[in-house]
């Protein structure tokens, strides 16, 4: 199940493919299959957050301006 990677705005792929930044543990399959996160979400990931739409629940609270996509896509940290 790759839904955790998709929810984070990423795409599951093999590490032999080019990617700006990989996250582990979000994709099904072998260890060399990881979640490729776009550069526009990297600022959120660096502070330990995850980018998602702000109508979804977020235990820590949302931070604006750290995620790519529309205005409702914010960093849950």
PDB file of N, CA and C in Angstrom:
ATOM      1  N   UNK A   1       0.842  -1.192   0.000  1.00  0.00           N
ATOM      2  CA  UNK A   1       0.000   0.000   0.000  1.00  0.00           C
ATOM      3  C   UNK A   1       0.882   1.249   0.000  1.00  0.00           C
ATOM      4  N   UNK A   2       0.744   2.052  -1.002  1.00  0.00           N
ATOM      5  CA  UNK A   2       1.557   3.262  -1.153  1.00  0.00           C
ATOM      6  C   UNK A   2       0.828   4.527  -0.706  1.00  0.00           C
ATOM      7  N   UNK A   3      -0.315   4.386  -0.051  1.00  0.00           N
ATOM      8  CA  UNK A   3      -1.150   5.546   0.269  1.00  0.00           C
ATOM      9  C   UNK A   3      -0.458   6.557   1.178  1.00  0.00           C
ATOM     10  N   UNK A   4       0.420   6.123   2.071  1.00  0.00           N
ATOM     11  CA  UNK A   4       1.128   7.064   2.952  1.00  0.00           C
ATOM     12  C   UNK A   4       2.039   7.983   2.142  1.00  0.00           C
ATOM     13  N   UNK A   5       2.666   7.452   1.125  1.00  0.00           N
ATOM     14  CA  UNK A   5       3.526   8.258   0.250  1.00  0.00           C
ATOM     15  C   UNK A   5       2.684   9.235  -0.563  1.00  0.00           C
ATOM     16  N   UNK A   6       1.582   8.754  -1.113  1.00  0.00           N
ATOM     17  CA  UNK A   6       0.708   9.630  -1.901  1.00  0.00           C
ATOM     18  C   UNK A   6       0.171  10.762  -1.036  1.00  0.00           C
ATOM     19  N   UNK A   7      -0.228  10.441   0.200  1.00  0.00           N
ATOM     20  CA  UNK A   7      -0.755  11.457   1.115  1.00  0.00           C
ATOM     21  C   UNK A   7       0.300  12.513   1.430  1.00  0.00           C
ATOM     22  N   UNK A   8       1.559  12.113   1.368  1.00  0.00           N
ATOM     23  CA  UNK A   8       2.663  13.039   1.633  1.00  0.00           C
ATOM     24  C   UNK A   8       3.060  13.833   0.390  1.00  0.00           C
ATOM     25  N   UNK A   9       2.342  13.608  -0.704  1.00  0.00           N
ATOM     26  CA  UNK A   9       2.655  14.330  -1.932  1.00  0.00           C
ATOM     27  C   UNK A   9       3.797  13.722  -2.713  1.00  0.00           C
ATOM     28  N   UNK A  10       4.121  12.463  -2.409  1.00  0.00           N
ATOM     29  CA  UNK A  10       5.229  11.793  -3.080  1.00  0.00           C
ATOM     30  C   UNK A  10       4.778  10.723  -4.044  1.00  0.00           C
ATOM     31  N   UNK A  11       5.762  10.019  -4.579  1.00  0.00           N
ATOM     32  CA  UNK A  11       5.528   8.939  -5.534  1.00  0.00           C
ATOM     33  C   UNK A  11       6.501   7.820  -5.213  1.00  0.00           C
ATOM     34  N   UNK A  12       6.005   6.606  -5.088  1.00  0.00           N
ATOM     35  CA  UNK A  12       6.866   5.457  -4.798  1.00  0.00           C
ATOM     36  C   UNK A  12       7.623   5.050  -6.058  1.00  0.00           C
ATOM     37  N   UNK A  13       8.919   4.852  -5.889  1.00  0.00           N
ATOM     38  CA  UNK A  13       9.762   4.435  -7.003  1.00  0.00           C
ATOM     39  C   UNK A  13      11.020   3.761  -6.464  1.00  0.00           C
ATOM     40  N   UNK A  14      11.734   3.102  -7.356  1.00  0.00           N
ATOM     41  CA  UNK A  14      12.986   2.460  -6.965  1.00  0.00           C
ATOM     42  C   UNK A  14      14.089   3.512  -6.852  1.00  0.00           C
ATOM     43  N   UNK A  15      14.985   3.319  -5.912  1.00  0.00           N
ATOM     44  CA  UNK A  15      16.037   4.299  -5.649  1.00  0.00           C
ATOM     45  C   UNK A  15      17.042   4.432  -6.793  1.00  0.00           C
ATOM     46  N   UNK A  16      16.985   3.554  -7.767  1.00  0.00           N
ATOM     47  CA  UNK A  16      17.843   3.689  -8.944  1.00  0.00           C
ATOM     48  C   UNK A  16      17.374   4.842  -9.838  1.00  0.00           C
ATOM     49  N   UNK A  17      16.139   5.318  -9.620  1.00  0.00           N
ATOM     50  CA  UNK A  17      15.605   6.453 -10.369  1.00  0.00           C
ATOM     51  C   UNK A  17      15.991   7.756  -9.678  1.00  0.00           C
ATOM     52  N   UNK A  18      16.129   8.802 -10.444  1.00  0.00           N
ATOM     53  CA  UNK A  18      16.506  10.108  -9.914  1.00  0.00           C
ATOM     54  C   UNK A  18      15.394  10.704  -9.048  1.00  0.00           C
ATOM     55  N   UNK A  19      15.798  11.305  -7.925  1.00  0.00           N
ATOM     56  CA  UNK A  19      14.840  11.935  -7.021  1.00  0.00           C
ATOM     57  C   UNK A  19      15.551  12.994  -6.184  1.00  0.00           C
ATOM     58  N   UNK A  20      14.868  14.094  -5.907  1.00  0.00           N
ATOM     59  CA  UNK A  20      15.431  15.168  -5.087  1.00  0.00           C
ATOM     60  C   UNK A  20      15.613  14.715  -3.643  1.00  0.00           C
ATOM     61  N   UNK A  21      14.628  13.996  -3.100  1.00  0.00           N
ATOM     62  CA  UNK A  21      14.698  13.554  -1.704  1.00  0.00           C
ATOM     63  C   UNK A  21      13.820  12.328  -1.494  1.00  0.00           C
ATOM     64  N   UNK A  22      14.378  11.282  -0.892  1.00  0.00           N
ATOM     65  CA  UNK A  22      13.627  10.068  -0.591  1.00  0.00           C
ATOM     66  C   UNK A  22      13.243  10.005   0.876  1.00  0.00           C
ATOM     67  N   UNK A  23      12.046   9.427   1.154  1.00  0.00           N
ATOM     68  CA  UNK A  23      11.605   9.128   2.520  1.00  0.00           C
ATOM     69  C   UNK A  23      11.389   7.621   2.609  1.00  0.00           C
ATOM     70  N   UNK A  24      11.834   7.012   3.692  1.00  0.00           N
ATOM     71  CA  UNK A  24      11.693   5.568   3.859  1.00  0.00           C
ATOM     72  C   UNK A  24      10.431   5.240   4.648  1.00  0.00           C
ATOM     73  N   UNK A  25       9.974   4.008   4.499  1.00  0.00           N
ATOM     74  CA  UNK A  25       8.850   3.499   5.278  1.00  0.00           C
ATOM     75  C   UNK A  25       7.469   3.900   4.796  1.00  0.00           C
ATOM     76  N   UNK A  26       7.357   4.515   3.628  1.00  0.00           N
ATOM     77  CA  UNK A  26       6.050   4.963   3.149  1.00  0.00           C
ATOM     78  C   UNK A  26       5.555   4.179   1.941  1.00  0.00           C
ATOM     79  N   UNK A  27       6.366   3.242   1.443  1.00  0.00           N
ATOM     80  CA  UNK A  27       6.005   2.489   0.245  1.00  0.00           C
ATOM     81  C   UNK A  27       6.046   0.986   0.503  1.00  0.00           C
ATOM     82  N   UNK A  28       5.148   0.289  -0.177  1.00  0.00           N
ATOM     83  CA  UNK A  28       5.151  -1.173  -0.123  1.00  0.00           C
ATOM     84  C   UNK A  28       6.274  -1.696  -1.013  1.00  0.00           C
ATOM     85  N   UNK A  29       6.710  -2.924  -0.742  1.00  0.00           N
ATOM     86  CA  UNK A  29       7.707  -3.536  -1.600  1.00  0.00           C
ATOM     87  C   UNK A  29       9.075  -3.625  -0.958  1.00  0.00           C
ATOM     88  N   UNK A  30      10.100  -3.873  -1.781  1.00  0.00           N
ATOM     89  CA  UNK A  30      11.456  -4.072  -1.264  1.00  0.00           C
ATOM     90  C   UNK A  30      12.059  -2.793  -0.675  1.00  0.00           C
ATOM     91  N   UNK A  31      13.148  -2.946   0.034  1.00  0.00           N
ATOM     92  CA  UNK A  31      13.800  -1.833   0.738  1.00  0.00           C
ATOM     93  C   UNK A  31      14.278  -0.731  -0.203  1.00  0.00           C
ATOM     94  N   UNK A  32      14.555  -1.074  -1.455  1.00  0.00           N
ATOM     95  CA  UNK A  32      15.037  -0.058  -2.395  1.00  0.00           C
ATOM     96  C   UNK A  32      13.896   0.651  -3.131  1.00  0.00           C
ATOM     97  N   UNK A  33      12.677   0.469  -2.659  1.00  0.00           N
ATOM     98  CA  UNK A  33      11.509   1.190  -3.190  1.00  0.00           C
ATOM     99  C   UNK A  33      11.073   2.199  -2.135  1.00  0.00           C
ATOM    100  N   UNK A  34      11.270   3.479  -2.427  1.00  0.00           N
ATOM    101  CA  UNK A  34      11.035   4.528  -1.435  1.00  0.00           C
ATOM    102  C   UNK A  34      10.153   5.630  -2.002  1.00  0.00           C
ATOM    103  N   UNK A  35       9.731   6.514  -1.111  1.00  0.00           N
ATOM    104  CA  UNK A  35       8.854   7.620  -1.479  1.00  0.00           C
ATOM    105  C   UNK A  35       9.687   8.811  -1.943  1.00  0.00           C
ATOM    106  N   UNK A  36       9.512   9.197  -3.187  1.00  0.00           N
ATOM    107  CA  UNK A  36      10.204  10.354  -3.745  1.00  0.00           C
ATOM    108  C   UNK A  36       9.348  11.587  -3.484  1.00  0.00           C
ATOM    109  N   UNK A  37       9.885  12.499  -2.684  1.00  0.00           N
ATOM    110  CA  UNK A  37       9.171  13.718  -2.320  1.00  0.00           C
ATOM    111  C   UNK A  37       9.676  14.860  -3.187  1.00  0.00           C
ATOM    112  N   UNK A  38       8.754  15.598  -3.738  1.00  0.00           N
ATOM    113  CA  UNK A  38       9.152  16.713  -4.597  1.00  0.00           C
ATOM    114  C   UNK A  38       9.861  17.784  -3.788  1.00  0.00           C
ATOM    115  N   UNK A  39      10.713  18.524  -4.430  1.00  0.00           N
ATOM    116  CA  UNK A  39      11.469  19.571  -3.765  1.00  0.00           C
ATOM    117  C   UNK A  39      10.595  20.611  -3.087  1.00  0.00           C
ATOM    118  N   UNK A  40       9.373  20.806  -3.599  1.00  0.00           N
ATOM    119  CA  UNK A  40       8.495  21.818  -3.033  1.00  0.00           C
ATOM    120  C   UNK A  40       7.996  21.448  -1.637  1.00  0.00           C
ATOM    121  N   UNK A  41       8.080  20.182  -1.261  1.00  0.00           N
ATOM    122  CA  UNK A  41       7.652  19.738   0.072  1.00  0.00           C
ATOM    123  C   UNK A  41       8.820  19.558   1.034  1.00  0.00           C
ATOM    124  N   UNK A  42      10.027  19.742   0.555  1.00  0.00           N
ATOM    125  CA  UNK A  42      11.211  19.422   1.348  1.00  0.00           C
ATOM    126  C   UNK A  42      11.313  20.243   2.632  1.00  0.00           C
ATOM    127  N   UNK A  43      10.924  21.508   2.591  1.00  0.00           N
ATOM    128  CA  UNK A  43      11.014  22.339   3.806  1.00  0.00           C
ATOM    129  C   UNK A  43      10.152  21.773   4.928  1.00  0.00           C
ATOM    130  N   UNK A  44       8.995  21.264   4.606  1.00  0.00           N
ATOM    131  CA  UNK A  44       8.121  20.646   5.605  1.00  0.00           C
ATOM    132  C   UNK A  44       8.744  19.367   6.153  1.00  0.00           C
ATOM    133  N   UNK A  45       9.248  18.517   5.266  1.00  0.00           N
ATOM    134  CA  UNK A  45       9.840  17.245   5.674  1.00  0.00           C
ATOM    135  C   UNK A  45      11.065  17.471   6.561  1.00  0.00           C
ATOM    136  N   UNK A  46      11.806  18.530   6.310  1.00  0.00           N
ATOM    137  CA  UNK A  46      13.013  18.799   7.101  1.00  0.00           C
ATOM    138  C   UNK A  46      12.700  19.123   8.553  1.00  0.00           C
ATOM    139  N   UNK A  47      11.513  19.646   8.827  1.00  0.00           N
ATOM    140  CA  UNK A  47      11.140  19.924  10.217  1.00  0.00           C
ATOM    141  C   UNK A  47      10.324  18.777  10.813  1.00  0.00           C
ATOM    142  N   UNK A  48      10.268  17.650  10.105  1.00  0.00           N
ATOM    143  CA  UNK A  48       9.575  16.470  10.603  1.00  0.00           C
ATOM    144  C   UNK A  48       8.090  16.456  10.324  1.00  0.00           C
ATOM    145  N   UNK A  49       7.633  17.329   9.424  1.00  0.00           N
ATOM    146  CA  UNK A  49       6.209  17.406   9.110  1.00  0.00           C
ATOM    147  C   UNK A  49       5.832  16.602   7.887  1.00  0.00           C
ATOM    148  N   UNK A  50       4.545  16.646   7.574  1.00  0.00           N
ATOM    149  CA  UNK A  50       4.024  15.980   6.389  1.00  0.00           C
ATOM    150  C   UNK A  50       3.029  16.923   5.726  1.00  0.00           C
ATOM    151  N   UNK A  51       3.129  17.078   4.417  1.00  0.00           N
ATOM    152  CA  UNK A  51       2.233  17.966   3.685  1.00  0.00           C
ATOM    153  C   UNK A  51       0.921  17.252   3.393  1.00  0.00           C
ATOM    154  N   UNK A  52      -0.177  17.917   3.722  1.00  0.00           N
ATOM    155  CA  UNK A  52      -1.498  17.380   3.417  1.00  0.00           C
ATOM    156  C   UNK A  52      -2.513  18.513   3.431  1.00  0.00           C
ATOM    157  N   UNK A  53      -3.706  18.229   2.941  1.00  0.00           N
ATOM    158  CA  UNK A  53      -4.747  19.247   2.904  1.00  0.00           C
ATOM    159  C   UNK A  53      -5.210  19.585   4.310  1.00  0.00           C
ATOM    160  N   UNK A  54      -5.409  20.869   4.572  1.00  0.00           N
ATOM    161  CA  UNK A  54      -5.670  21.325   5.935  1.00  0.00           C
ATOM    162  C   UNK A  54      -7.043  20.952   6.481  1.00  0.00           C
ATOM    163  N   UNK A  55      -7.877  20.311   5.687  1.00  0.00           N
ATOM    164  CA  UNK A  55      -9.150  19.829   6.233  1.00  0.00           C
ATOM    165  C   UNK A  55      -8.986  18.455   6.876  1.00  0.00           C
ATOM    166  N   UNK A  56      -7.830  17.837   6.710  1.00  0.00           N
ATOM    167  CA  UNK A  56      -7.530  16.573   7.388  1.00  0.00           C
ATOM    168  C   UNK A  56      -7.044  16.864   8.806  1.00  0.00           C
ATOM    169  N   UNK A  57      -7.231  15.907   9.696  1.00  0.00           N
ATOM    170  CA  UNK A  57      -6.796  16.116  11.082  1.00  0.00           C
ATOM    171  C   UNK A  57      -5.272  16.186  11.164  1.00  0.00           C
ATOM    172  N   UNK A  58      -4.795  17.000  12.098  1.00  0.00           N
ATOM    173  CA  UNK A  58      -3.362  17.184  12.313  1.00  0.00           C
ATOM    174  C   UNK A  58      -3.148  17.414  13.799  1.00  0.00           C
ATOM    175  N   UNK A  59      -2.465  16.494  14.448  1.00  0.00           N
ATOM    176  CA  UNK A  59      -2.293  16.575  15.904  1.00  0.00           C
ATOM    177  C   UNK A  59      -1.411  17.741  16.335  1.00  0.00           C
ATOM    178  N   UNK A  60      -0.458  18.136  15.514  1.00  0.00           N
ATOM    179  CA  UNK A  60       0.465  19.193  15.914  1.00  0.00           C
ATOM    180  C   UNK A  60       0.070  20.586  15.454  1.00  0.00           C
ATOM    181  N   UNK A  61      -0.752  20.685  14.439  1.00  0.00           N
ATOM    182  CA  UNK A  61      -1.132  21.974  13.882  1.00  0.00           C
ATOM    183  C   UNK A  61      -0.482  22.212  12.532  1.00  0.00           C
ATOM    184  N   UNK A  62      -1.103  23.055  11.722  1.00  0.00           N
ATOM    185  CA  UNK A  62      -0.630  23.325  10.370  1.00  0.00           C
ATOM    186  C   UNK A  62       0.250  24.567  10.293  1.00  0.00           C
ATOM    187  N   UNK A  63       1.250  24.515   9.407  1.00  0.00           N
ATOM    188  CA  UNK A  63       2.129  25.649   9.128  1.00  0.00           C
ATOM    189  C   UNK A  63       2.000  25.956   7.635  1.00  0.00           C
ATOM    190  N   UNK A  64       1.665  27.183   7.309  1.00  0.00           N
ATOM    191  CA  UNK A  64       1.496  27.596   5.908  1.00  0.00           C
ATOM    192  C   UNK A  64       2.848  27.867   5.247  1.00  0.00           C
ATOM    193  N   UNK A  65       2.875  27.703   3.923  1.00  0.00           N
ATOM    194  CA  UNK A  65       4.025  28.115   3.132  1.00  0.00           C
ATOM    195  C   UNK A  65       5.178  27.139   3.029  1.00  0.00           C
ATOM    196  N   UNK A  66       5.014  25.916   3.534  1.00  0.00           N
ATOM    197  CA  UNK A  66       6.115  24.948   3.479  1.00  0.00           C
ATOM    198  C   UNK A  66       5.865  23.809   2.494  1.00  0.00           C
ATOM    199  N   UNK A  67       4.723  23.844   1.799  1.00  0.00           N
ATOM    200  CA  UNK A  67       4.362  22.742   0.905  1.00  0.00           C
ATOM    201  C   UNK A  67       3.996  23.249  -0.480  1.00  0.00           C
ATOM    202  N   UNK A  68       4.262  22.416  -1.476  1.00  0.00           N
ATOM    203  CA  UNK A  68       3.829  22.714  -2.825  1.00  0.00           C
ATOM    204  C   UNK A  68       2.345  22.433  -2.978  1.00  0.00           C
ATOM    205  N   UNK A  69       1.767  22.903  -4.060  1.00  0.00           N
ATOM    206  CA  UNK A  69       0.358  22.665  -4.316  1.00  0.00           C
ATOM    207  C   UNK A  69      -0.502  23.866  -3.971  1.00  0.00           C
ATOM    208  N   UNK A  70      -1.792  23.625  -3.815  1.00  0.00           N
ATOM    209  CA  UNK A  70      -2.739  24.690  -3.525  1.00  0.00           C
ATOM    210  C   UNK A  70      -2.596  25.245  -2.117  1.00  0.00           C
ATOM    211  N   UNK A  71      -3.338  26.317  -1.841  1.00  0.00           N
ATOM    212  CA  UNK A  71      -3.261  26.987  -0.545  1.00  0.00           C
ATOM    213  C   UNK A  71      -3.706  26.104   0.612  1.00  0.00           C
ATOM    214  N   UNK A  72      -4.589  25.144   0.348  1.00  0.00           N
ATOM    215  CA  UNK A  72      -5.065  24.266   1.422  1.00  0.00           C
ATOM    216  C   UNK A  72      -4.046  23.184   1.778  1.00  0.00           C
ATOM    217  N   UNK A  73      -3.016  22.997   0.951  1.00  0.00           N
ATOM    218  CA  UNK A  73      -1.983  21.991   1.224  1.00  0.00           C
ATOM    219  C   UNK A  73      -0.925  22.622   2.114  1.00  0.00           C
ATOM    220  N   UNK A  74      -0.895  22.178   3.382  1.00  0.00           N
ATOM    221  CA  UNK A  74      -0.036  22.790   4.388  1.00  0.00           C
ATOM    222  C   UNK A  74       0.748  21.728   5.142  1.00  0.00           C
ATOM    223  N   UNK A  75       1.723  22.189   5.921  1.00  0.00           N
ATOM    224  CA  UNK A  75       2.621  21.291   6.647  1.00  0.00           C
ATOM    225  C   UNK A  75       2.054  20.979   8.027  1.00  0.00           C
ATOM    226  N   UNK A  76       1.763  19.724   8.270  1.00  0.00           N
ATOM    227  CA  UNK A  76       1.311  19.261   9.581  1.00  0.00           C
ATOM    228  C   UNK A  76       2.558  18.868  10.366  1.00  0.00           C
ATOM    229  N   UNK A  77       2.847  19.634  11.411  1.00  0.00           N
ATOM    230  CA  UNK A  77       4.072  19.397  12.185  1.00  0.00           C
ATOM    231  C   UNK A  77       3.787  19.410  13.678  1.00  0.00           C
TER     232      UNK A  77
END
